[in-house]
PDB file of N, CA and C in Angstrom:
ATOM      1  N   MET A   1      -4.314  18.873 -22.357  1.00  0.00           N
ATOM      2  CA  MET A   1      -3.026  18.258 -22.157  1.00  0.00           C
ATOM      3  C   MET A   1      -3.005  16.872 -22.803  1.00  0.00           C
ATOM      4  N   LEU A   2      -4.073  16.120 -22.654  1.00  0.00           N
ATOM      5  CA  LEU A   2      -4.143  14.803 -23.269  1.00  0.00           C
ATOM      6  C   LEU A   2      -4.061  14.897 -24.786  1.00  0.00           C
ATOM      7  N   LYS A   3      -4.682  15.934 -25.349  1.00  0.00           N
ATOM      8  CA  LYS A   3      -4.685  16.103 -26.803  1.00  0.00           C
ATOM      9  C   LYS A   3      -3.298  16.404 -27.358  1.00  0.00           C
ATOM     10  N   THR A   4      -2.465  17.090 -26.584  1.00  0.00           N
ATOM     11  CA  THR A   4      -1.155  17.508 -27.082  1.00  0.00           C
ATOM     12  C   THR A   4      -0.021  16.579 -26.648  1.00  0.00           C
ATOM     13  N   ALA A   5      -0.306  15.601 -25.809  1.00  0.00           N
ATOM     14  CA  ALA A   5       0.745  14.693 -25.334  1.00  0.00           C
ATOM     15  C   ALA A   5       1.214  13.787 -26.464  1.00  0.00           C
ATOM     16  N   SER A   6       2.528  13.561 -26.536  1.00  0.00           N
ATOM     17  CA  SER A   6       3.054  12.701 -27.597  1.00  0.00           C
ATOM     18  C   SER A   6       2.699  11.231 -27.360  1.00  0.00           C
ATOM     19  N   ASN A   7       2.581  10.826 -26.113  1.00  0.00           N
ATOM     20  CA  ASN A   7       2.193   9.456 -25.753  1.00  0.00           C
ATOM     21  C   ASN A   7       1.137   9.535 -24.651  1.00  0.00           C
ATOM     22  N   PRO A   8      -0.100   9.868 -25.005  1.00  0.00           N
ATOM     23  CA  PRO A   8      -1.110  10.192 -24.002  1.00  0.00           C
ATOM     24  C   PRO A   8      -1.469   9.052 -23.049  1.00  0.00           C
ATOM     25  N   HIS A   9      -1.235   7.825 -23.439  1.00  0.00           N
ATOM     26  CA  HIS A   9      -1.643   6.710 -22.582  1.00  0.00           C
ATOM     27  C   HIS A   9      -0.467   5.981 -21.936  1.00  0.00           C
ATOM     28  N   ALA A  10       0.727   6.557 -22.040  1.00  0.00           N
ATOM     29  CA  ALA A  10       1.912   5.915 -21.473  1.00  0.00           C
ATOM     30  C   ALA A  10       1.792   5.752 -19.966  1.00  0.00           C
ATOM     31  N   GLY A  11       1.245   6.752 -19.289  1.00  0.00           N
ATOM     32  CA  GLY A  11       1.076   6.668 -17.832  1.00  0.00           C
ATOM     33  C   GLY A  11       0.151   5.537 -17.433  1.00  0.00           C
ATOM     34  N   LEU A  12      -0.914   5.355 -18.176  1.00  0.00           N
ATOM     35  CA  LEU A  12      -1.840   4.257 -17.884  1.00  0.00           C
ATOM     36  C   LEU A  12      -1.167   2.902 -18.092  1.00  0.00           C
ATOM     37  N   LEU A  13      -0.374   2.788 -19.148  1.00  0.00           N
ATOM     38  CA  LEU A  13       0.339   1.537 -19.392  1.00  0.00           C
ATOM     39  C   LEU A  13       1.337   1.258 -18.271  1.00  0.00           C
ATOM     40  N   TRP A  14       2.007   2.298 -17.780  1.00  0.00           N
ATOM     41  CA  TRP A  14       2.965   2.136 -16.678  1.00  0.00           C
ATOM     42  C   TRP A  14       2.242   1.666 -15.413  1.00  0.00           C
ATOM     43  N   LEU A  15       1.105   2.270 -15.097  1.00  0.00           N
ATOM     44  CA  LEU A  15       0.347   1.853 -13.910  1.00  0.00           C
ATOM     45  C   LEU A  15      -0.144   0.416 -14.052  1.00  0.00           C
ATOM     46  N   GLU A  16      -0.589   0.062 -15.257  1.00  0.00           N
ATOM     47  CA  GLU A  16      -1.042  -1.305 -15.496  1.00  0.00           C
ATOM     48  C   GLU A  16       0.108  -2.289 -15.290  1.00  0.00           C
ATOM     49  N   PHE A  17       1.305  -1.926 -15.792  1.00  0.00           N
ATOM     50  CA  PHE A  17       2.468  -2.787 -15.612  1.00  0.00           C
ATOM     51  C   PHE A  17       2.794  -2.942 -14.132  1.00  0.00           C
ATOM     52  N   GLN A  18       2.789  -1.834 -13.392  1.00  0.00           N
ATOM     53  CA  GLN A  18       3.118  -1.903 -11.967  1.00  0.00           C
ATOM     54  C   GLN A  18       2.137  -2.780 -11.206  1.00  0.00           C
ATOM     55  N   ALA A  19       0.904  -2.795 -11.630  1.00  0.00           N
ATOM     56  CA  ALA A  19      -0.116  -3.597 -10.943  1.00  0.00           C
ATOM     57  C   ALA A  19      -0.061  -5.067 -11.349  1.00  0.00           C
ATOM     58  N   SER A  20       0.661  -5.384 -12.418  1.00  0.00           N
ATOM     59  CA  SER A  20       0.708  -6.766 -12.890  1.00  0.00           C
ATOM     60  C   SER A  20       1.566  -7.624 -11.970  1.00  0.00           C
ATOM     61  N   GLN A  21       1.399  -8.919 -12.069  1.00  0.00           N
ATOM     62  CA  GLN A  21       2.203  -9.863 -11.298  1.00  0.00           C
ATOM     63  C   GLN A  21       3.692  -9.669 -11.604  1.00  0.00           C
ATOM     64  N   GLU A  22       4.014  -9.461 -12.875  1.00  0.00           N
ATOM     65  CA  GLU A  22       5.409  -9.266 -13.272  1.00  0.00           C
ATOM     66  C   GLU A  22       5.970  -7.965 -12.698  1.00  0.00           C
ATOM     67  N   GLY A  23       5.197  -6.905 -12.767  1.00  0.00           N
ATOM     68  CA  GLY A  23       5.634  -5.624 -12.224  1.00  0.00           C
ATOM     69  C   GLY A  23       5.859  -5.694 -10.726  1.00  0.00           C
ATOM     70  N   GLN A  24       4.957  -6.367 -10.027  1.00  0.00           N
ATOM     71  CA  GLN A  24       5.098  -6.504  -8.578  1.00  0.00           C
ATOM     72  C   GLN A  24       6.329  -7.339  -8.221  1.00  0.00           C
ATOM     73  N   ALA A  25       6.640  -8.349  -9.034  1.00  0.00           N
ATOM     74  CA  ALA A  25       7.832  -9.168  -8.786  1.00  0.00           C
ATOM     75  C   ALA A  25       9.099  -8.322  -8.943  1.00  0.00           C
ATOM     76  N   ILE A  26       9.130  -7.444  -9.932  1.00  0.00           N
ATOM     77  CA  ILE A  26      10.283  -6.565 -10.126  1.00  0.00           C
ATOM     78  C   ILE A  26      10.401  -5.582  -8.966  1.00  0.00           C
ATOM     79  N   ILE A  27       9.285  -5.031  -8.541  1.00  0.00           N
ATOM     80  CA  ILE A  27       9.307  -4.115  -7.393  1.00  0.00           C
ATOM     81  C   ILE A  27       9.844  -4.840  -6.168  1.00  0.00           C
ATOM     82  N   ASP A  28       9.375  -6.065  -5.937  1.00  0.00           N
ATOM     83  CA  ASP A  28       9.834  -6.853  -4.789  1.00  0.00           C
ATOM     84  C   ASP A  28      11.334  -7.148  -4.873  1.00  0.00           C
ATOM     85  N   GLU A  29      11.827  -7.373  -6.083  1.00  0.00           N
ATOM     86  CA  GLU A  29      13.244  -7.700  -6.259  1.00  0.00           C
ATOM     87  C   GLU A  29      14.140  -6.503  -5.978  1.00  0.00           C
ATOM     88  N   TYR A  30      13.756  -5.319  -6.454  1.00  0.00           N
ATOM     89  CA  TYR A  30      14.628  -4.144  -6.353  1.00  0.00           C
ATOM     90  C   TYR A  30      14.289  -3.216  -5.196  1.00  0.00           C
ATOM     91  N   GLU A  31      13.094  -3.302  -4.672  1.00  0.00           N
ATOM     92  CA  GLU A  31      12.692  -2.523  -3.501  1.00  0.00           C
ATOM     93  C   GLU A  31      11.966  -3.452  -2.545  1.00  0.00           C
ATOM     94  N   PRO A  32      12.718  -4.266  -1.820  1.00  0.00           N
ATOM     95  CA  PRO A  32      12.088  -5.271  -0.950  1.00  0.00           C
ATOM     96  C   PRO A  32      11.030  -4.669  -0.023  1.00  0.00           C
ATOM     97  N   ILE A  33       9.999  -5.409   0.131  1.00  0.00           N
ATOM     98  CA  ILE A  33       8.872  -5.060   0.988  1.00  0.00           C
ATOM     99  C   ILE A  33       8.158  -3.801   0.503  1.00  0.00           C
ATOM    100  N   SER A  34       8.180  -3.557  -0.787  1.00  0.00           N
ATOM    101  CA  SER A  34       7.459  -2.416  -1.347  1.00  0.00           C
ATOM    102  C   SER A  34       6.326  -2.835  -2.273  1.00  0.00           C
ATOM    103  N   ALA A  35       6.308  -4.096  -2.673  1.00  0.00           N
ATOM    104  CA  ALA A  35       5.223  -4.566  -3.531  1.00  0.00           C
ATOM    105  C   ALA A  35       3.946  -4.670  -2.697  1.00  0.00           C
ATOM    106  N   SER A  36       2.836  -4.728  -3.360  1.00  0.00           N
ATOM    107  CA  SER A  36       1.547  -4.780  -2.681  1.00  0.00           C
ATOM    108  C   SER A  36       1.366  -6.081  -1.912  1.00  0.00           C
ATOM    109  N   PHE A  37       0.776  -5.985  -0.739  1.00  0.00           N
ATOM    110  CA  PHE A  37       0.484  -7.203   0.007  1.00  0.00           C
ATOM    111  C   PHE A  37      -0.707  -7.943  -0.591  1.00  0.00           C
ATOM    112  N   TYR A  38      -1.372  -7.328  -1.547  1.00  0.00           N
ATOM    113  CA  TYR A  38      -2.445  -8.007  -2.274  1.00  0.00           C
ATOM    114  C   TYR A  38      -1.894  -8.941  -3.355  1.00  0.00           C
ATOM    115  N   THR A  39      -0.602  -8.832  -3.677  1.00  0.00           N
ATOM    116  CA  THR A  39       0.006  -9.657  -4.714  1.00  0.00           C
ATOM    117  C   THR A  39       0.455 -10.978  -4.120  1.00  0.00           C
ATOM    118  N   PRO A  40      -0.152 -12.083  -4.538  1.00  0.00           N
ATOM    119  CA  PRO A  40       0.254 -13.391  -4.011  1.00  0.00           C
ATOM    120  C   PRO A  40       1.737 -13.647  -4.251  1.00  0.00           C
ATOM    121  N   GLY A  41       2.442 -14.048  -3.202  1.00  0.00           N
ATOM    122  CA  GLY A  41       3.862 -14.354  -3.308  1.00  0.00           C
ATOM    123  C   GLY A  41       4.783 -13.186  -3.065  1.00  0.00           C
ATOM    124  N   SER A  42       4.253 -11.957  -2.936  1.00  0.00           N
ATOM    125  CA  SER A  42       5.133 -10.813  -2.658  1.00  0.00           C
ATOM    126  C   SER A  42       5.683 -10.945  -1.242  1.00  0.00           C
ATOM    127  N   ALA A  43       6.785 -10.261  -0.989  1.00  0.00           N
ATOM    128  CA  ALA A  43       7.407 -10.340   0.335  1.00  0.00           C
ATOM    129  C   ALA A  43       6.430  -9.911   1.429  1.00  0.00           C
ATOM    130  N   LEU A  44       5.689  -8.826   1.191  1.00  0.00           N
ATOM    131  CA  LEU A  44       4.715  -8.380   2.196  1.00  0.00           C
ATOM    132  C   LEU A  44       3.585  -9.375   2.381  1.00  0.00           C
ATOM    133  N   GLU A  45       3.105  -9.946   1.277  1.00  0.00           N
ATOM    134  CA  GLU A  45       2.030 -10.931   1.389  1.00  0.00           C
ATOM    135  C   GLU A  45       2.495 -12.116   2.227  1.00  0.00           C
ATOM    136  N   LYS A  46       3.743 -12.541   2.025  1.00  0.00           N
ATOM    137  CA  LYS A  46       4.280 -13.661   2.807  1.00  0.00           C
ATOM    138  C   LYS A  46       4.391 -13.299   4.286  1.00  0.00           C
ATOM    139  N   LEU A  47       4.830 -12.073   4.579  1.00  0.00           N
ATOM    140  CA  LEU A  47       4.957 -11.643   5.978  1.00  0.00           C
ATOM    141  C   LEU A  47       3.607 -11.539   6.679  1.00  0.00           C
ATOM    142  N   LEU A  48       2.599 -11.125   5.925  1.00  0.00           N
ATOM    143  CA  LEU A  48       1.286 -10.889   6.524  1.00  0.00           C
ATOM    144  C   LEU A  48       0.344 -12.079   6.411  1.00  0.00           C
ATOM    145  N   ARG A  49       0.723 -13.097   5.675  1.00  0.00           N
ATOM    146  CA  ARG A  49      -0.136 -14.260   5.454  1.00  0.00           C
ATOM    147  C   ARG A  49      -0.600 -14.853   6.784  1.00  0.00           C
ATOM    148  N   GLY A  50      -1.907 -15.013   6.908  1.00  0.00           N
ATOM    149  CA  GLY A  50      -2.488 -15.613   8.113  1.00  0.00           C
ATOM    150  C   GLY A  50      -2.702 -14.645   9.262  1.00  0.00           C
ATOM    151  N   LYS A  51      -2.244 -13.419   9.130  1.00  0.00           N
ATOM    152  CA  LYS A  51      -2.403 -12.422  10.201  1.00  0.00           C
ATOM    153  C   LYS A  51      -3.725 -11.680  10.021  1.00  0.00           C
ATOM    154  N   LYS A  52      -4.261 -11.190  11.109  1.00  0.00           N
ATOM    155  CA  LYS A  52      -5.449 -10.354  11.042  1.00  0.00           C
ATOM    156  C   LYS A  52      -5.030  -8.954  10.624  1.00  0.00           C
ATOM    157  N   LEU A  53      -5.735  -8.405   9.652  1.00  0.00           N
ATOM    158  CA  LEU A  53      -5.421  -7.070   9.156  1.00  0.00           C
ATOM    159  C   LEU A  53      -6.610  -6.149   9.346  1.00  0.00           C
ATOM    160  N   SER A  54      -6.319  -4.902   9.501  1.00  0.00           N
ATOM    161  CA  SER A  54      -7.354  -3.881   9.573  1.00  0.00           C
ATOM    162  C   SER A  54      -7.088  -2.895   8.446  1.00  0.00           C
ATOM    163  N   LEU A  55      -8.008  -2.822   7.513  1.00  0.00           N
ATOM    164  CA  LEU A  55      -7.840  -1.952   6.352  1.00  0.00           C
ATOM    165  C   LEU A  55      -8.800  -0.775   6.436  1.00  0.00           C
ATOM    166  N   VAL A  56      -8.358   0.367   5.953  1.00  0.00           N
ATOM    167  CA  VAL A  56      -9.183   1.570   5.940  1.00  0.00           C
ATOM    168  C   VAL A  56      -9.457   1.930   4.486  1.00  0.00           C
ATOM    169  N   ASP A  57     -10.730   1.987   4.108  1.00  0.00           N
ATOM    170  CA  ASP A  57     -11.072   2.361   2.740  1.00  0.00           C
ATOM    171  C   ASP A  57     -11.072   3.886   2.606  1.00  0.00           C
ATOM    172  N   TRP A  58     -11.198   4.355   1.363  1.00  0.00           N
ATOM    173  CA  TRP A  58     -11.110   5.793   1.109  1.00  0.00           C
ATOM    174  C   TRP A  58     -12.236   6.576   1.776  1.00  0.00           C
ATOM    175  N   GLN A  59     -13.382   5.967   1.948  1.00  0.00           N
ATOM    176  CA  GLN A  59     -14.500   6.674   2.572  1.00  0.00           C
ATOM    177  C   GLN A  59     -14.250   6.941   4.062  1.00  0.00           C
ATOM    178  N   ASN A  60     -13.315   6.215   4.666  1.00  0.00           N
ATOM    179  CA  ASN A  60     -13.056   6.370   6.097  1.00  0.00           C
ATOM    180  C   ASN A  60     -11.672   6.909   6.414  1.00  0.00           C
ATOM    181  N   GLN A  61     -10.943   7.403   5.414  1.00  0.00           N
ATOM    182  CA  GLN A  61      -9.606   7.935   5.640  1.00  0.00           C
ATOM    183  C   GLN A  61      -9.599   9.062   6.669  1.00  0.00           C
ATOM    184  N   HIS A  62     -10.660   9.859   6.694  1.00  0.00           N
ATOM    185  CA  HIS A  62     -10.705  10.985   7.631  1.00  0.00           C
ATOM    186  C   HIS A  62     -10.771  10.507   9.091  1.00  0.00           C
ATOM    187  N   LEU A  63     -11.094   9.246   9.323  1.00  0.00           N
ATOM    188  CA  LEU A  63     -11.168   8.702  10.678  1.00  0.00           C
ATOM    189  C   LEU A  63      -9.880   8.010  11.119  1.00  0.00           C
ATOM    190  N   LYS A  64      -8.923   7.902  10.220  1.00  0.00           N
ATOM    191  CA  LYS A  64      -7.721   7.124  10.484  1.00  0.00           C
ATOM    192  C   LYS A  64      -6.938   7.625  11.701  1.00  0.00           C
ATOM    193  N   GLN A  65      -6.752   8.916  11.832  1.00  0.00           N
ATOM    194  CA  GLN A  65      -5.991   9.455  12.973  1.00  0.00           C
ATOM    195  C   GLN A  65      -6.655   9.106  14.300  1.00  0.00           C
ATOM    196  N   THR A  66      -7.964   9.218  14.343  1.00  0.00           N
ATOM    197  CA  THR A  66      -8.702   8.882  15.564  1.00  0.00           C
ATOM    198  C   THR A  66      -8.540   7.403  15.890  1.00  0.00           C
ATOM    199  N   TRP A  67      -8.689   6.568  14.886  1.00  0.00           N
ATOM    200  CA  TRP A  67      -8.557   5.126  15.101  1.00  0.00           C
ATOM    201  C   TRP A  67      -7.146   4.751  15.534  1.00  0.00           C
ATOM    202  N   MET A  68      -6.132   5.384  14.933  1.00  0.00           N
ATOM    203  CA  MET A  68      -4.756   5.096  15.320  1.00  0.00           C
ATOM    204  C   MET A  68      -4.505   5.473  16.780  1.00  0.00           C
ATOM    205  N   ALA A  69      -5.055   6.586  17.210  1.00  0.00           N
ATOM    206  CA  ALA A  69      -4.911   6.992  18.616  1.00  0.00           C
ATOM    207  C   ALA A  69      -5.547   5.958  19.535  1.00  0.00           C
ATOM    208  N   LYS A  70      -6.692   5.438  19.141  1.00  0.00           N
ATOM    209  CA  LYS A  70      -7.368   4.416  19.950  1.00  0.00           C
ATOM    210  C   LYS A  70      -6.575   3.111  19.985  1.00  0.00           C
ATOM    211  N   ILE A  71      -5.956   2.766  18.860  1.00  0.00           N
ATOM    212  CA  ILE A  71      -5.124   1.559  18.815  1.00  0.00           C
ATOM    213  C   ILE A  71      -3.926   1.698  19.733  1.00  0.00           C
ATOM    214  N   VAL A  72      -3.255   2.851  19.668  1.00  0.00           N
ATOM    215  CA  VAL A  72      -2.094   3.109  20.530  1.00  0.00           C
ATOM    216  C   VAL A  72      -2.507   3.018  21.994  1.00  0.00           C
ATOM    217  N   GLU A  73      -3.644   3.588  22.321  1.00  0.00           N
ATOM    218  CA  GLU A  73      -4.145   3.547  23.701  1.00  0.00           C
ATOM    219  C   GLU A  73      -4.487   2.106  24.120  1.00  0.00           C
ATOM    220  N   ALA A  74      -5.148   1.361  23.253  1.00  0.00           N
ATOM    221  CA  ALA A  74      -5.565  -0.005  23.569  1.00  0.00           C
ATOM    222  C   ALA A  74      -4.364  -0.921  23.800  1.00  0.00           C
ATOM    223  N   PHE A  75      -3.297  -0.736  23.016  1.00  0.00           N
ATOM    224  CA  PHE A  75      -2.102  -1.568  23.186  1.00  0.00           C
ATOM    225  C   PHE A  75      -1.209  -1.082  24.321  1.00  0.00           C
ATOM    226  N   GLY A  76      -1.482   0.103  24.829  1.00  0.00           N
ATOM    227  CA  GLY A  76      -0.686   0.614  25.936  1.00  0.00           C
ATOM    228  C   GLY A  76       0.680   1.122  25.522  1.00  0.00           C
ATOM    229  N   PHE A  77       0.823   1.500  24.260  1.00  0.00           N
ATOM    230  CA  PHE A  77       2.103   2.042  23.811  1.00  0.00           C
ATOM    231  C   PHE A  77       2.390   3.349  24.540  1.00  0.00           C
ATOM    232  N   PRO A  78       3.649   3.612  24.837  1.00  0.00           N
ATOM    233  CA  PRO A  78       3.977   4.870  25.511  1.00  0.00           C
ATOM    234  C   PRO A  78       3.711   6.070  24.611  1.00  0.00           C
ATOM    235  N   LYS A  79       3.382   7.181  25.238  1.00  0.00           N
ATOM    236  CA  LYS A  79       3.152   8.431  24.510  1.00  0.00           C
ATOM    237  C   LYS A  79       4.267   9.407  24.870  1.00  0.00           C
ATOM    238  N   ALA A  80       4.638  10.208  23.910  1.00  0.00           N
ATOM    239  CA  ALA A  80       5.647  11.229  24.150  1.00  0.00           C
ATOM    240  C   ALA A  80       4.983  12.390  24.888  1.00  0.00           C
ATOM    241  N   ASP A  81       5.590  12.799  25.989  1.00  0.00           N
ATOM    242  CA  ASP A  81       5.091  13.968  26.718  1.00  0.00           C
ATOM    243  C   ASP A  81       5.842  15.186  26.247  1.00  0.00           C
ATOM    244  N   ARG A  82       5.120  16.289  26.189  1.00  0.00           N
ATOM    245  CA  ARG A  82       5.759  17.528  25.743  1.00  0.00           C
ATOM    246  C   ARG A  82       6.138  18.364  26.923  1.00  0.00           C
TER     247      ARG A  82
END
């Protein structure tokens, strides 16, 4: 597929643009709160600045549901009964 594509690297250039400071600023302008919180000055970065965050890396994604259940329990959020 790469050999026959008319612009084989266009997707990579698009991803690079989206990850750039300029791309993130455009995303923030047209889709508020959608730019990465890793981008300094983005709306999300400003909202989360100074807050404690808990991040899950790809190696631990399979544990996310369990951890979320524990968080809900620890905060005492109500649960839907069936």
